[in-house]
Amino acid sequence: MHQFTVTSTVNKRKNQREKYCQNKIHFVTFGKINDMKKGIGYHFLGIFIFVGFIGDDCQTMIYQKVSEHYQLVS
């Protein structure tokens, strides 16, 4: 999965990378689908982690799917 962002500075995006990598943050991800067969609304896509950037401008963030399932841990 890719995320494109230009709303923050390059330094802020690099600092964000450090936070995501150090804390091993997992992203519970949903996508909006408008399909009569699958249904209309938000559907769970999976659990993703940040793995890096494309290019030196750090505008495109790359995420890798690590799980198809979400389990609540208490």
Protein backbone atom coordinates (compact mmCIF):
# COMPACT_ATOMS: atom_id res chain seq x y z
CA MET A 1 0.00 0.00 0.00
CA HIS A 2 1.23 3.51 -0.75
CA GLN A 3 0.31 6.84 0.82
CA PHE A 4 1.15 10.11 -0.90
CA THR A 5 1.54 13.23 1.25
CA VAL A 6 2.82 16.75 0.61
CA THR A 7 1.07 18.52 3.48
CA SER A 8 4.07 18.33 5.83
CA THR A 9 7.75 19.14 5.51
CA VAL A 10 10.37 16.56 4.55
CA ASN A 11 11.90 16.76 8.04
CA LYS A 12 8.53 16.12 9.67
CA ARG A 13 7.97 13.07 7.45
CA LYS A 14 11.45 11.74 8.32
CA ASN A 15 10.73 12.21 12.03
CA GLN A 16 7.45 10.39 11.55
CA ARG A 17 9.37 7.51 9.94
CA GLU A 18 11.59 7.21 13.01
CA LYS A 19 8.55 7.13 15.32
CA TYR A 20 6.77 4.49 13.23
CA CYS A 21 9.88 2.27 13.03
CA GLN A 22 10.97 2.62 16.67
CA ASN A 23 7.50 1.99 18.09
CA LYS A 24 6.58 -0.70 15.53
CA ILE A 25 3.20 0.94 14.96
CA HIS A 26 0.58 -1.20 13.27
CA PHE A 27 -2.13 0.45 11.17
CA VAL A 28 -5.63 -1.05 11.15
CA THR A 29 -6.69 -0.15 7.61
CA PHE A 30 -10.10 0.23 6.00
CA GLY A 31 -10.96 1.17 2.43
CA LYS A 32 -14.12 2.76 1.12
CA ILE A 33 -15.77 0.46 -1.41
CA ASN A 34 -18.73 1.22 -3.64
CA ASP A 35 -19.44 -2.19 -5.14
CA MET A 36 -22.85 -3.87 -5.29
CA LYS A 37 -21.36 -7.39 -4.88
CA LYS A 38 -19.02 -6.59 -1.98
CA GLY A 39 -21.26 -3.98 -0.44
CA ILE A 40 -21.10 -0.24 -0.07
CA GLY A 41 -19.14 1.24 2.82
CA TYR A 42 -15.84 0.73 4.61
CA HIS A 43 -14.26 -2.71 4.51
CA PHE A 44 -11.33 -4.02 6.54
CA LEU A 45 -8.22 -4.36 4.34
CA GLY A 46 -5.71 -5.65 6.91
CA ILE A 47 -2.98 -4.66 9.33
CA PHE A 48 -0.07 -2.73 7.81
CA ILE A 49 3.33 -1.47 8.99
CA PHE A 50 5.42 1.36 7.56
CA VAL A 51 8.48 0.11 5.63
CA GLY A 52 9.96 3.17 3.91
CA PHE A 53 9.72 5.97 1.37
CA ILE A 54 9.97 6.17 -2.40
CA GLY A 55 12.47 8.86 -3.40
CA ASP A 56 14.42 11.49 -1.50
CA ASP A 57 11.46 13.87 -1.18
CA CYS A 58 9.73 11.36 1.16
CA GLN A 59 6.32 12.14 -0.33
CA THR A 60 5.29 8.54 -0.97
CA MET A 61 5.18 6.29 2.07
CA ILE A 62 5.20 2.50 1.62
CA TYR A 63 3.31 0.12 3.91
CA GLN A 64 3.41 -3.67 3.99
CA LYS A 65 0.51 -5.90 4.99
CA VAL A 66 1.44 -8.02 8.01
CA SER A 67 -1.93 -9.57 8.81
CA GLU A 68 -5.30 -10.31 7.27
CA HIS A 69 -6.92 -10.44 10.72
CA TYR A 70 -7.35 -8.04 13.62
CA GLN A 71 -7.21 -9.34 17.17
CA LEU A 72 -7.96 -7.09 20.11
CA VAL A 73 -5.29 -7.45 22.77
CA SER A 74 -6.19 -6.42 26.32
